[in-house]
C-alpha atoms as a PDB file:
ATOM      1  CA  MET A   1     -57.153  21.836  -4.329  1.00  0.00           C
ATOM      2  CA  ASN A   2     -54.894  19.655  -2.501  1.00  0.00           C
ATOM      3  CA  LEU A   3     -53.895  21.138   0.797  1.00  0.00           C
ATOM      4  CA  MET A   4     -50.290  20.568   0.305  1.00  0.00           C
ATOM      5  CA  VAL A   5     -50.502  22.372  -3.030  1.00  0.00           C
ATOM      6  CA  GLN A   6     -52.131  25.307  -1.320  1.00  0.00           C
ATOM      7  CA  ARG A   7     -49.219  25.279   0.910  1.00  0.00           C
ATOM      8  CA  ALA A   8     -46.886  25.054  -1.646  1.00  0.00           C
ATOM      9  CA  TRP A   9     -48.484  28.239  -3.265  1.00  0.00           C
ATOM     10  CA  VAL A  10     -48.225  30.169  -0.006  1.00  0.00           C
ATOM     11  CA  LEU A  11     -44.334  29.181   0.257  1.00  0.00           C
ATOM     12  CA  TYR A  12     -44.097  30.533  -3.278  1.00  0.00           C
ATOM     13  CA  ASP A  13     -45.974  33.794  -2.560  1.00  0.00           C
ATOM     14  CA  LEU A  14     -43.089  34.251   0.046  1.00  0.00           C
ATOM     15  CA  LYS A  15     -40.349  33.496  -2.135  1.00  0.00           C
ATOM     16  CA  ARG A  16     -39.300  30.262  -0.750  1.00  0.00           C
ATOM     17  CA  TYR A  17     -39.193  28.504  -3.926  1.00  0.00           C
ATOM     18  CA  ASP A  18     -36.905  25.329  -2.986  1.00  0.00           C
ATOM     19  CA  LEU A  19     -39.344  24.804  -0.188  1.00  0.00           C
ATOM     20  CA  ALA A  20     -42.219  25.068  -2.614  1.00  0.00           C
ATOM     21  CA  VAL A  21     -40.828  22.847  -4.898  1.00  0.00           C
ATOM     22  CA  LYS A  22     -40.507  20.267  -2.079  1.00  0.00           C
ATOM     23  CA  GLU A  23     -44.045  20.802  -0.756  1.00  0.00           C
ATOM     24  CA  ALA A  24     -45.507  20.107  -4.402  1.00  0.00           C
ATOM     25  CA  GLY A  25     -43.596  17.349  -5.171  1.00  0.00           C
ATOM     26  CA  LYS A  26     -45.197  15.826  -2.141  1.00  0.00           C
ATOM     27  CA  ALA A  27     -48.431  16.542  -3.398  1.00  0.00           C
ATOM     28  CA  LEU A  28     -47.704  15.090  -6.809  1.00  0.00           C
ATOM     29  CA  SER A  29     -46.675  12.036  -5.566  1.00  0.00           C
ATOM     30  CA  SER A  30     -50.095  10.982  -4.303  1.00  0.00           C
ATOM     31  CA  GLU A  31     -51.763  13.026  -7.428  1.00  0.00           C
ATOM     32  CA  PRO A  32     -49.514  13.138 -10.337  1.00  0.00           C
ATOM     33  CA  ASN A  33     -52.091  14.056 -12.793  1.00  0.00           C
ATOM     34  CA  ASP A  34     -52.494  17.178 -10.766  1.00  0.00           C
ATOM     35  CA  ALA A  35     -52.019  20.016 -13.748  1.00  0.00           C
ATOM     36  CA  TYR A  36     -52.373  23.001 -11.207  1.00  0.00           C
ATOM     37  CA  GLY A  37     -49.581  21.432  -8.909  1.00  0.00           C
ATOM     38  CA  HIS A  38     -47.359  20.923 -12.049  1.00  0.00           C
ATOM     39  CA  ARG A  39     -48.067  24.393 -13.093  1.00  0.00           C
ATOM     40  CA  LEU A  40     -46.527  25.312  -9.667  1.00  0.00           C
ATOM     41  CA  MET A  41     -43.766  23.272  -9.830  1.00  0.00           C
ATOM     42  CA  ALA A  42     -42.727  25.247 -13.356  1.00  0.00           C
ATOM     43  CA  TRP A  43     -43.216  28.516 -11.883  1.00  0.00           C
ATOM     44  CA  ALA A  44     -40.969  27.679  -8.930  1.00  0.00           C
ATOM     45  CA  TYR A  45     -38.327  26.040 -11.083  1.00  0.00           C
ATOM     46  CA  TYR A  46     -38.500  29.311 -13.488  1.00  0.00           C
ATOM     47  CA  GLN A  47     -37.950  31.569 -10.465  1.00  0.00           C
ATOM     48  CA  GLN A  48     -34.886  29.360  -9.556  1.00  0.00           C
ATOM     49  CA  ASN A  49     -33.409  29.683 -13.063  1.00  0.00           C
ATOM     50  CA  GLN A  50     -33.927  26.075 -13.865  1.00  0.00           C
ATOM     51  CA  MET A  51     -35.269  26.537 -17.260  1.00  0.00           C
ATOM     52  CA  ALA A  52     -35.240  22.947 -18.474  1.00  0.00           C
ATOM     53  CA  LYS A  53     -37.033  21.399 -15.694  1.00  0.00           C
ATOM     54  CA  ALA A  54     -39.522  24.410 -15.786  1.00  0.00           C
ATOM     55  CA  LEU A  55     -40.544  23.851 -19.315  1.00  0.00           C
ATOM     56  CA  GLU A  56     -40.774  20.383 -18.571  1.00  0.00           C
ATOM     57  CA  GLU A  57     -43.435  20.852 -15.824  1.00  0.00           C
ATOM     58  CA  ALA A  58     -45.096  23.291 -17.796  1.00  0.00           C
ATOM     59  CA  GLU A  59     -45.704  21.020 -20.828  1.00  0.00           C
ATOM     60  CA  LEU A  60     -47.012  18.706 -18.611  1.00  0.00           C
ATOM     61  CA  ALA A  61     -49.357  20.887 -16.831  1.00  0.00           C
ATOM     62  CA  VAL A  62     -50.591  21.736 -20.815  1.00  0.00           C
ATOM     63  CA  THR A  63     -51.071  18.055 -21.539  1.00  0.00           C
ATOM     64  CA  LEU A  64     -53.085  17.391 -18.427  1.00  0.00           C
ATOM     65  CA  ALA A  65     -55.331  20.494 -18.971  1.00  0.00           C
ATOM     66  CA  PRO A  66     -55.037  21.625 -22.801  1.00  0.00           C
ATOM     67  CA  THR A  67     -57.940  24.094 -21.841  1.00  0.00           C
ATOM     68  CA  ASP A  68     -56.332  25.967 -19.216  1.00  0.00           C
ATOM     69  CA  PRO A  69     -54.952  29.107 -20.542  1.00  0.00           C
ATOM     70  CA  TYR A  70     -53.101  29.906 -17.463  1.00  0.00           C
ATOM     71  CA  ALA A  71     -51.000  26.693 -18.400  1.00  0.00           C
ATOM     72  CA  HIS A  72     -50.626  27.905 -22.026  1.00  0.00           C
ATOM     73  CA  TYR A  73     -49.471  31.206 -20.398  1.00  0.00           C
ATOM     74  CA  CYS A  74     -47.107  29.566 -18.067  1.00  0.00           C
ATOM     75  CA  LYS A  75     -45.349  27.807 -20.904  1.00  0.00           C
ATOM     76  CA  GLY A  76     -45.238  30.882 -22.713  1.00  0.00           C
ATOM     77  CA  CYS A  77     -43.434  32.724 -20.147  1.00  0.00           C
ATOM     78  CA  ILE A  78     -40.818  30.316 -19.578  1.00  0.00           C
ATOM     79  CA  ALA A  79     -40.169  29.348 -23.380  1.00  0.00           C
ATOM     80  CA  LYS A  80     -39.744  33.409 -23.684  1.00  0.00           C
ATOM     81  CA  ASP A  81     -36.633  33.287 -21.716  1.00  0.00           C
ATOM     82  CA  ILE A  82     -35.174  30.507 -23.676  1.00  0.00           C
ATOM     83  CA  PHE A  83     -33.784  32.004 -26.835  1.00  0.00           C
ATOM     84  CA  ASN A  84     -34.238  28.930 -28.916  1.00  0.00           C
ATOM     85  CA  HIS A  85     -38.181  28.370 -28.031  1.00  0.00           C
ATOM     86  CA  LEU A  86     -39.318  31.810 -29.018  1.00  0.00           C
ATOM     87  CA  CYS A  87     -41.604  30.187 -31.732  1.00  0.00           C
ATOM     88  CA  LEU A  88     -43.065  27.895 -29.128  1.00  0.00           C
ATOM     89  CA  ALA A  89     -43.677  30.870 -26.295  1.00  0.00           C
ATOM     90  CA  LYS A  90     -45.599  32.505 -29.166  1.00  0.00           C
ATOM     91  CA  GLU A  91     -47.828  29.594 -29.955  1.00  0.00           C
ATOM     92  CA  ALA A  92     -48.252  29.358 -26.732  1.00  0.00           C
ATOM     93  CA  ALA A  93     -49.239  32.856 -26.022  1.00  0.00           C
ATOM     94  CA  CYS A  94     -51.974  32.728 -28.883  1.00  0.00           C
ATOM     95  CA  GLU A  95     -53.187  29.663 -27.427  1.00  0.00           C
ATOM     96  CA  ALA A  96     -53.582  31.176 -24.084  1.00  0.00           C
ATOM     97  CA  ILE A  97     -55.337  34.510 -26.191  1.00  0.00           C
ATOM     98  CA  ARG A  98     -57.658  32.023 -27.762  1.00  0.00           C
ATOM     99  CA  LEU A  99     -58.954  30.054 -24.566  1.00  0.00           C
ATOM    100  CA  GLU A 100     -59.409  33.633 -22.726  1.00  0.00           C
ATOM    101  CA  PRO A 101     -59.474  36.599 -24.889  1.00  0.00           C
ATOM    102  CA  ARG A 102     -60.269  38.947 -21.908  1.00  0.00           C
ATOM    103  CA  LYS A 103     -56.538  38.744 -20.303  1.00  0.00           C
ATOM    104  CA  ALA A 104     -54.648  41.803 -20.725  1.00  0.00           C
ATOM    105  CA  GLU A 105     -51.358  39.787 -19.302  1.00  0.00           C
ATOM    106  CA  PHE A 106     -52.003  37.478 -22.246  1.00  0.00           C
ATOM    107  CA  TYR A 107     -51.425  39.875 -24.849  1.00  0.00           C
ATOM    108  CA  ALA A 108     -48.345  41.512 -23.010  1.00  0.00           C
ATOM    109  CA  LEU A 109     -46.639  37.872 -23.171  1.00  0.00           C
ATOM    110  CA  LEU A 110     -47.383  37.731 -26.709  1.00  0.00           C
ATOM    111  CA  ALA A 111     -46.050  41.262 -27.530  1.00  0.00           C
ATOM    112  CA  ARG A 112     -43.113  40.492 -25.630  1.00  0.00           C
ATOM    113  CA  VAL A 113     -42.217  37.489 -27.292  1.00  0.00           C
ATOM    114  CA  GLN A 114     -42.838  39.349 -30.684  1.00  0.00           C
ATOM    115  CA  LEU A 115     -40.424  42.362 -29.558  1.00  0.00           C
ATOM    116  CA  GLN A 116     -37.902  39.992 -28.569  1.00  0.00           C
ATOM    117  CA  LYS A 117     -38.002  37.854 -31.896  1.00  0.00           C
ATOM    118  CA  GLY A 118     -38.298  40.837 -33.814  1.00  0.00           C
ATOM    119  CA  GLN A 119     -35.496  41.517 -36.425  1.00  0.00           C
ATOM    120  CA  PHE A 120     -37.463  43.753 -39.006  1.00  0.00           C
ATOM    121  CA  ARG A 121     -40.026  46.988 -38.471  1.00  0.00           C
ATOM    122  CA  GLU A 122     -43.035  44.783 -39.328  1.00  0.00           C
ATOM    123  CA  GLU A 123     -42.659  42.539 -36.101  1.00  0.00           C
ATOM    124  CA  TYR A 124     -42.164  45.443 -33.760  1.00  0.00           C
ATOM    125  CA  ARG A 125     -45.174  47.156 -35.242  1.00  0.00           C
ATOM    126  CA  ALA A 126     -47.187  43.855 -34.647  1.00  0.00           C
ATOM    127  CA  ALA A 127     -46.065  44.108 -30.778  1.00  0.00           C
ATOM    128  CA  VAL A 128     -47.276  47.742 -30.698  1.00  0.00           C
ATOM    129  CA  GLU A 129     -50.276  46.491 -32.009  1.00  0.00           C
ATOM    130  CA  THR A 130     -50.896  43.346 -29.728  1.00  0.00           C
ATOM    131  CA  ALA A 131     -50.111  45.807 -26.720  1.00  0.00           C
ATOM    132  CA  LYS A 132     -52.488  47.959 -27.956  1.00  0.00           C
ATOM    133  CA  GLN A 133     -55.293  44.747 -27.960  1.00  0.00           C
ATOM    134  CA  GLY A 134     -54.104  44.269 -24.361  1.00  0.00           C
ATOM    135  CA  LEU A 135     -54.578  47.945 -23.295  1.00  0.00           C
ATOM    136  CA  ALA A 136     -58.382  47.733 -24.998  1.00  0.00           C
ATOM    137  CA  VAL A 137     -59.239  44.968 -22.376  1.00  0.00           C
ATOM    138  CA  ASP A 138     -57.240  46.711 -19.539  1.00  0.00           C
ATOM    139  CA  PRO A 139     -56.119  50.056 -20.000  1.00  0.00           C
ATOM    140  CA  ASN A 140     -54.235  49.970 -16.481  1.00  0.00           C
ATOM    141  CA  ASN A 141     -52.388  46.863 -17.203  1.00  0.00           C
ATOM    142  CA  VAL A 142     -48.578  47.762 -16.560  1.00  0.00           C
ATOM    143  CA  SER A 143     -47.448  44.931 -18.634  1.00  0.00           C
ATOM    144  CA  CYS A 144     -48.905  46.137 -21.732  1.00  0.00           C
ATOM    145  CA  LEU A 145     -48.129  49.650 -20.826  1.00  0.00           C
ATOM    146  CA  LEU A 146     -44.388  48.703 -20.575  1.00  0.00           C
ATOM    147  CA  VAL A 147     -44.251  46.356 -23.668  1.00  0.00           C
ATOM    148  CA  HIS A 148     -45.945  49.080 -25.661  1.00  0.00           C
ATOM    149  CA  ALA A 149     -43.571  51.612 -24.652  1.00  0.00           C
ATOM    150  CA  ALA A 150     -40.562  49.354 -25.441  1.00  0.00           C
ATOM    151  CA  ALA A 151     -41.709  48.437 -28.948  1.00  0.00           C
ATOM    152  CA  LEU A 152     -42.428  52.539 -29.593  1.00  0.00           C
ATOM    153  CA  ARG A 153     -38.826  52.896 -28.129  1.00  0.00           C
ATOM    154  CA  VAL A 154     -37.328  50.275 -30.492  1.00  0.00           C
ATOM    155  CA  LEU A 155     -39.203  51.944 -33.310  1.00  0.00           C
ATOM    156  CA  GLY A 156     -37.905  55.492 -32.845  1.00  0.00           C
ATOM    157  CA  ARG A 157     -41.101  56.711 -31.473  1.00  0.00           C
ATOM    158  CA  HIS A 158     -39.761  58.373 -28.634  1.00  0.00           C
ATOM    159  CA  TRP A 159     -42.219  61.048 -27.958  1.00  0.00           C
ATOM    160  CA  ARG A 160     -45.048  58.481 -28.010  1.00  0.00           C
ATOM    161  CA  ALA A 161     -43.182  56.117 -25.907  1.00  0.00           C
ATOM    162  CA  ARG A 162     -42.644  58.976 -23.175  1.00  0.00           C
ATOM    163  CA  GLN A 163     -46.278  59.719 -23.391  1.00  0.00           C
ATOM    164  CA  VAL A 164     -47.155  55.880 -22.657  1.00  0.00           C
ATOM    165  CA  LEU A 165     -44.507  55.945 -19.984  1.00  0.00           C
ATOM    166  CA  ASP A 166     -46.052  59.343 -18.512  1.00  0.00           C
ATOM    167  CA  ILE A 167     -49.378  57.338 -18.270  1.00  0.00           C
ATOM    168  CA  ALA A 168     -47.568  54.387 -16.513  1.00  0.00           C
ATOM    169  CA  LEU A 169     -45.927  56.559 -14.110  1.00  0.00           C
ATOM    170  CA  GLN A 170     -49.233  58.071 -13.187  1.00  0.00           C
ATOM    171  CA  GLN A 171     -50.634  54.707 -12.536  1.00  0.00           C
ATOM    172  CA  HIS A 172     -48.107  52.738 -10.880  1.00  0.00           C
ATOM    173  CA  PRO A 173     -45.508  55.178  -9.565  1.00  0.00           C
ATOM    174  CA  GLU A 174     -43.939  52.807  -7.132  1.00  0.00           C
ATOM    175  CA  ASP A 175     -43.449  49.924  -9.770  1.00  0.00           C
ATOM    176  CA  SER A 176     -39.556  49.316 -10.338  1.00  0.00           C
ATOM    177  CA  CYS A 177     -39.815  48.159 -13.899  1.00  0.00           C
ATOM    178  CA  VAL A 178     -41.579  51.429 -15.022  1.00  0.00           C
ATOM    179  CA  HIS A 179     -38.619  53.432 -13.851  1.00  0.00           C
ATOM    180  CA  LEU A 180     -36.229  51.260 -15.547  1.00  0.00           C
ATOM    181  CA  GLU A 181     -37.950  51.461 -18.902  1.00  0.00           C
ATOM    182  CA  ARG A 182     -38.206  55.262 -18.585  1.00  0.00           C
ATOM    183  CA  ALA A 183     -34.304  55.314 -17.706  1.00  0.00           C
ATOM    184  CA  GLN A 184     -33.667  53.390 -20.887  1.00  0.00           C
ATOM    185  CA  LEU A 185     -35.561  56.015 -22.640  1.00  0.00           C
ATOM    186  CA  HIS A 186     -33.705  58.641 -21.214  1.00  0.00           C
ATOM    187  CA  LEU A 187     -30.449  56.687 -21.896  1.00  0.00           C
ATOM    188  CA  GLU A 188     -31.092  56.578 -25.553  1.00  0.00           C
ATOM    189  CA  ARG A 189     -32.197  60.140 -25.960  1.00  0.00           C
ATOM    190  CA  HIS A 190     -28.966  61.059 -24.411  1.00  0.00           C
ATOM    191  CA  GLU A 191     -30.680  62.662 -21.364  1.00  0.00           C
ATOM    192  CA  HIS A 192     -28.410  61.400 -18.804  1.00  0.00           C
ATOM    193  CA  GLY A 193     -29.590  63.110 -16.065  1.00  0.00           C
ATOM    194  CA  ARG A 194     -33.206  62.038 -16.089  1.00  0.00           C
ATOM    195  CA  ALA A 195     -31.839  58.466 -16.609  1.00  0.00           C
ATOM    196  CA  ARG A 196     -29.450  58.627 -13.644  1.00  0.00           C
ATOM    197  CA  ARG A 197     -32.626  59.618 -11.571  1.00  0.00           C
ATOM    198  CA  HIS A 198     -34.957  56.810 -12.853  1.00  0.00           C
ATOM    199  CA  PHE A 199     -32.082  54.146 -12.306  1.00  0.00           C
ATOM    200  CA  ARG A 200     -31.960  55.112  -8.963  1.00  0.00           C
ATOM    201  CA  GLU A 201     -35.615  54.998  -8.214  1.00  0.00           C
ATOM    202  CA  ALA A 202     -35.655  51.502  -9.813  1.00  0.00           C
ATOM    203  CA  LEU A 203     -32.714  50.425  -7.841  1.00  0.00           C
ATOM    204  CA  ARG A 204     -34.423  51.752  -4.375  1.00  0.00           C
ATOM    205  CA  LEU A 205     -37.628  50.131  -5.078  1.00  0.00           C
ATOM    206  CA  ASN A 206     -36.142  46.967  -6.258  1.00  0.00           C
ATOM    207  CA  PRO A 207     -32.324  46.151  -5.547  1.00  0.00           C
ATOM    208  CA  GLN A 208     -32.414  42.907  -7.217  1.00  0.00           C
ATOM    209  CA  LEU A 209     -32.523  44.953 -10.596  1.00  0.00           C
ATOM    210  CA  LEU A 210     -28.948  45.585 -10.162  1.00  0.00           C
ATOM    211  CA  PRO A 211     -27.870  42.840 -12.812  1.00  0.00           C
ATOM    212  CA  CYS A 212     -30.242  44.266 -15.144  1.00  0.00           C
ATOM    213  CA  VAL A 213     -29.157  47.874 -14.774  1.00  0.00           C
ATOM    214  CA  GLN A 214     -25.475  46.920 -15.201  1.00  0.00           C
ATOM    215  CA  ALA A 215     -26.263  44.704 -18.243  1.00  0.00           C
ATOM    216  CA  ARG A 216     -27.862  47.634 -19.794  1.00  0.00           C
ATOM    217  CA  LEU A 217     -25.085  50.286 -18.803  1.00  0.00           C
ATOM    218  CA  ARG A 218     -22.808  47.718 -20.608  1.00  0.00           C
ATOM    219  CA  LYS A 219     -24.545  47.734 -23.508  1.00  0.00           C
ATOM    220  CA  TRP A 220     -25.104  51.504 -23.539  1.00  0.00           C
ATOM    221  CA  ALA A 221     -20.954  52.070 -22.927  1.00  0.00           C
ATOM    222  CA  PRO A 222     -18.973  52.719 -26.063  1.00  0.00           C
ATOM    223  CA  PRO A 223     -16.287  50.278 -26.805  1.00  0.00           C
ATOM    224  CA  ALA A 224     -12.859  51.530 -27.167  1.00  0.00           C
ATOM    225  CA  TRP A 225     -12.843  51.539 -30.960  1.00  0.00           C
ATOM    226  CA  CYS A 226     -15.804  53.326 -31.437  1.00  0.00           C
ATOM    227  CA  ARG A 227     -14.049  56.105 -29.340  1.00  0.00           C
ATOM    228  CA  ILE A 228     -11.175  56.073 -31.128  1.00  0.00           C
ATOM    229  CA  HIS A 229     -13.272  56.353 -34.440  1.00  0.00           C
ATOM    230  CA  TYR A 230     -15.219  59.680 -33.399  1.00  0.00           C
ATOM    231  CA  ALA A 231     -11.926  61.140 -32.081  1.00  0.00           C
ATOM    232  CA  PHE A 232     -10.318  60.471 -35.769  1.00  0.00           C
ATOM    233  CA  ILE A 233     -13.122  61.559 -37.590  1.00  0.00           C
ATOM    234  CA  ALA A 234     -13.305  64.760 -35.239  1.00  0.00           C
ATOM    235  CA  GLY A 235      -9.406  65.104 -35.866  1.00  0.00           C
ATOM    236  CA  VAL A 236      -9.683  64.757 -39.636  1.00  0.00           C
ATOM    237  CA  ILE A 237     -12.378  67.157 -39.531  1.00  0.00           C
ATOM    238  CA  MET A 238     -10.555  70.090 -37.563  1.00  0.00           C
ATOM    239  CA  ALA A 239      -7.516  69.103 -39.821  1.00  0.00           C
ATOM    240  CA  GLY A 240      -9.521  69.727 -43.117  1.00  0.00           C
ATOM    241  CA  TYR A 241     -10.866  72.946 -41.527  1.00  0.00           C
ATOM    242  CA  VAL A 242      -7.039  74.136 -40.685  1.00  0.00           C
ATOM    243  CA  MET A 243      -6.192  73.053 -43.971  1.00  0.00           C
ATOM    244  CA  ALA A 244      -9.232  75.096 -45.671  1.00  0.00           C
ATOM    245  CA  MET A 245      -8.607  78.136 -43.894  1.00  0.00           C
ATOM    246  CA  ALA A 246      -4.960  78.529 -44.850  1.00  0.00           C
ATOM    247  CA  ALA A 247      -5.625  77.884 -48.631  1.00  0.00           C
ATOM    248  CA  ALA A 248      -8.288  80.507 -48.271  1.00  0.00           C
ATOM    249  CA  ARG A 249      -5.759  83.317 -47.274  1.00  0.00           C
ATOM    250  CA  ASP A 250      -4.225  83.354 -50.926  1.00  0.00           C
ATOM    251  CA  ARG A 251      -5.384  80.691 -53.420  1.00  0.00           C
ATOM    252  CA  SER A 252      -2.965  82.003 -56.025  1.00  0.00           C
ATOM    253  CA  ASN A 253      -0.195  81.344 -54.099  1.00  0.00           C
ATOM    254  CA  ILE A 254       0.932  77.576 -54.543  1.00  0.00           C
ATOM    255  CA  ALA A 255       3.243  77.760 -51.750  1.00  0.00           C
ATOM    256  CA  ASN A 256       0.584  78.366 -49.158  1.00  0.00           C
ATOM    257  CA  ALA A 257      -1.585  75.561 -50.516  1.00  0.00           C
ATOM    258  CA  THR A 258       1.787  73.038 -50.394  1.00  0.00           C
ATOM    259  CA  THR A 259       1.903  74.484 -46.634  1.00  0.00           C
ATOM    260  CA  ALA A 260      -1.890  73.543 -46.234  1.00  0.00           C
ATOM    261  CA  ILE A 261      -1.488  70.161 -47.307  1.00  0.00           C
ATOM    262  CA  ARG A 262       1.851  69.145 -45.658  1.00  0.00           C
ATOM    263  CA  GLY A 263       0.036  70.389 -42.345  1.00  0.00           C
ATOM    264  CA  PHE A 264      -2.993  68.442 -43.143  1.00  0.00           C
ATOM    265  CA  PHE A 265      -0.871  65.221 -43.317  1.00  0.00           C
ATOM    266  CA  GLN A 266       1.102  66.245 -40.181  1.00  0.00           C
ATOM    267  CA  LEU A 267      -2.200  66.684 -38.348  1.00  0.00           C
ATOM    268  CA  LEU A 268      -3.330  63.040 -39.817  1.00  0.00           C
ATOM    269  CA  ALA A 269      -0.050  61.722 -38.268  1.00  0.00           C
ATOM    270  CA  ILE A 270      -0.637  63.181 -34.846  1.00  0.00           C
ATOM    271  CA  PHE A 271      -4.069  61.905 -34.708  1.00  0.00           C
ATOM    272  CA  PHE A 272      -2.983  58.405 -35.895  1.00  0.00           C
ATOM    273  CA  VAL A 273      -0.397  58.562 -33.014  1.00  0.00           C
ATOM    274  CA  MET A 274      -3.189  59.743 -30.474  1.00  0.00           C
ATOM    275  CA  ALA A 275      -5.378  56.649 -31.369  1.00  0.00           C
ATOM    276  CA  LEU A 276      -2.529  54.326 -31.280  1.00  0.00           C
ATOM    277  CA  PHE A 277      -2.055  55.358 -27.558  1.00  0.00           C
ATOM    278  CA  LEU A 278      -5.456  55.113 -26.716  1.00  0.00           C
ATOM    279  CA  VAL A 279      -5.675  51.497 -27.855  1.00  0.00           C
ATOM    280  CA  LEU A 280      -2.629  50.664 -25.863  1.00  0.00           C
ATOM    281  CA  HIS A 281      -4.352  52.485 -23.119  1.00  0.00           C
ATOM    282  CA  GLU A 282      -7.569  50.882 -23.386  1.00  0.00           C
ATOM    283  CA  ARG A 283      -5.751  47.395 -23.473  1.00  0.00           C
ATOM    284  CA  ALA A 284      -4.244  48.347 -20.238  1.00  0.00           C
ATOM    285  CA  GLY A 285      -7.934  48.666 -18.851  1.00  0.00           C
ATOM    286  CA  SER A 286      -7.364  52.238 -17.291  1.00  0.00           C
ATOM    287  CA  LEU A 287      -9.663  54.193 -19.886  1.00  0.00           C
ATOM    288  CA  GLY A 288     -13.368  53.998 -20.536  1.00  0.00           C
ATOM    289  CA  LEU A 289     -16.206  51.947 -19.196  1.00  0.00           C
ATOM    290  CA  GLY A 290     -15.728  49.489 -21.549  1.00  0.00           C
ATOM    291  CA  THR A 291     -13.167  47.232 -19.565  1.00  0.00           C
ATOM    292  CA  LYS A 292     -14.501  48.130 -15.958  1.00  0.00           C
ATOM    293  CA  PRO A 293     -16.412  45.934 -13.570  1.00  0.00           C
ATOM    294  CA  ALA A 294     -19.980  46.081 -13.581  1.00  0.00           C
ATOM    295  CA  ASP A 295     -20.480  47.599 -10.469  1.00  0.00           C
ATOM    296  CA  ASP A 296     -17.851  50.453 -11.315  1.00  0.00           C
ATOM    297  CA  ILE A 297     -20.010  51.201 -14.434  1.00  0.00           C
ATOM    298  CA  VAL A 298     -23.174  51.673 -12.452  1.00  0.00           C
ATOM    299  CA  ALA A 299     -21.414  53.672  -9.663  1.00  0.00           C
ATOM    300  CA  GLU A 300     -19.617  55.870 -12.402  1.00  0.00           C
ATOM    301  CA  PHE A 301     -22.886  56.531 -14.215  1.00  0.00           C
ATOM    302  CA  LEU A 302     -24.875  57.097 -11.092  1.00  0.00           C
ATOM    303  CA  LYS A 303     -22.477  59.582  -9.628  1.00  0.00           C
ATOM    304  CA  THR A 304     -21.051  61.538 -12.599  1.00  0.00           C
ATOM    305  CA  PRO A 305     -22.891  64.458 -13.900  1.00  0.00           C
ATOM    306  CA  GLN A 306     -21.973  63.564 -17.762  1.00  0.00           C
ATOM    307  CA  PRO A 307     -21.069  60.261 -19.268  1.00  0.00           C
ATOM    308  CA  ALA A 308     -17.694  59.671 -20.000  1.00  0.00           C
ATOM    309  CA  ARG A 309     -18.003  59.509 -23.872  1.00  0.00           C
ATOM    310  CA  LYS A 310     -18.957  62.959 -23.657  1.00  0.00           C
ATOM    311  CA  LYS A 311     -15.911  64.291 -21.837  1.00  0.00           C
ATOM    312  CA  SER A 312     -13.568  62.415 -24.064  1.00  0.00           C
ATOM    313  CA  LEU A 313     -14.157  64.647 -27.041  1.00  0.00           C
ATOM    314  CA  ARG A 314     -15.008  67.954 -25.277  1.00  0.00           C
ATOM    315  CA  TRP A 315     -11.146  68.869 -25.767  1.00  0.00           C
ATOM    316  CA  LEU A 316     -11.782  68.619 -29.296  1.00  0.00           C
ATOM    317  CA  PHE A 317     -14.599  70.854 -29.359  1.00  0.00           C
ATOM    318  CA  ASN A 318     -12.610  73.408 -27.452  1.00  0.00           C
ATOM    319  CA  ILE A 319      -9.648  73.569 -29.918  1.00  0.00           C
ATOM    320  CA  THR A 320     -12.169  73.987 -32.826  1.00  0.00           C
ATOM    321  CA  GLU A 321     -14.022  77.073 -30.945  1.00  0.00           C
ATOM    322  CA  CYS A 322     -10.843  78.390 -30.179  1.00  0.00           C
ATOM    323  CA  LEU A 323      -9.789  78.347 -33.674  1.00  0.00           C
ATOM    324  CA  SER A 324     -13.023  79.857 -34.880  1.00  0.00           C
ATOM    325  CA  ARG A 325     -12.815  82.909 -32.334  1.00  0.00           C
ATOM    326  CA  GLN A 326      -8.934  83.496 -33.492  1.00  0.00           C
ATOM    327  CA  ARG A 327     -10.741  83.704 -36.978  1.00  0.00           C
END
């Protein structure tokens, strides 16, 4: 291996990606057909989020060394993060597995592509099976464990996903991605206290995950129309309950039935006005998580004992409970 390429890999391990690119460029100026150097350039560009240059270098590395499985793996990892190149990523991952079937990371890459590309349950099931093949090669591989748990979570098999993540936490307790995936699982199961704890731990282990946490909490935060929709449905249910109780007192009395129907429409009008107020309040930017900055979303979730969408409907449940007690 070229001495300058070795120096470039050292700089890459130190996360000095810009210097690694310069050093690798010097090495490739003297040996332009060095596939190892082009692969290093691809990884360095990938870490700097320069996807076009990274993919170009990875394809050049594959062209120069078509039998190198790590070159195909590099190409697949880069193409995976470019939405329009998922088919290319799948081909690269399959070729890497064909060249080296005893590498669990290659199976994890293919499962990630299947999970990211998936639109139907069959593709999610294929991701589960691919992750199992990787775990058969290396049962302790954290990438395969994570993608296995993520695929199970998407399929709705939360209990099995929790078991997989328990194994991952036992084997890799200091891995921030494991805590992040566990937090996502708890978040989807509405176990907000546990989700908050694992989010905190993931950010403690790797503060650079803050944008990822912000994106996940943004996706989790209900939009304004969703909160209004739930409030309106709850109001209609409560109004129907009041109308039914009023009509049940004396079914033979037409006046009571007319009064109940009138009260029902009055309650509908009240809830319509409340929904309109919520829309205006939301557009003013002072209600809900949907319009808050990302830092406020993270801060509010990590500090508030319960999420805002639970609190926003609590008063409706209290009114219904008071009515039932009066009866």
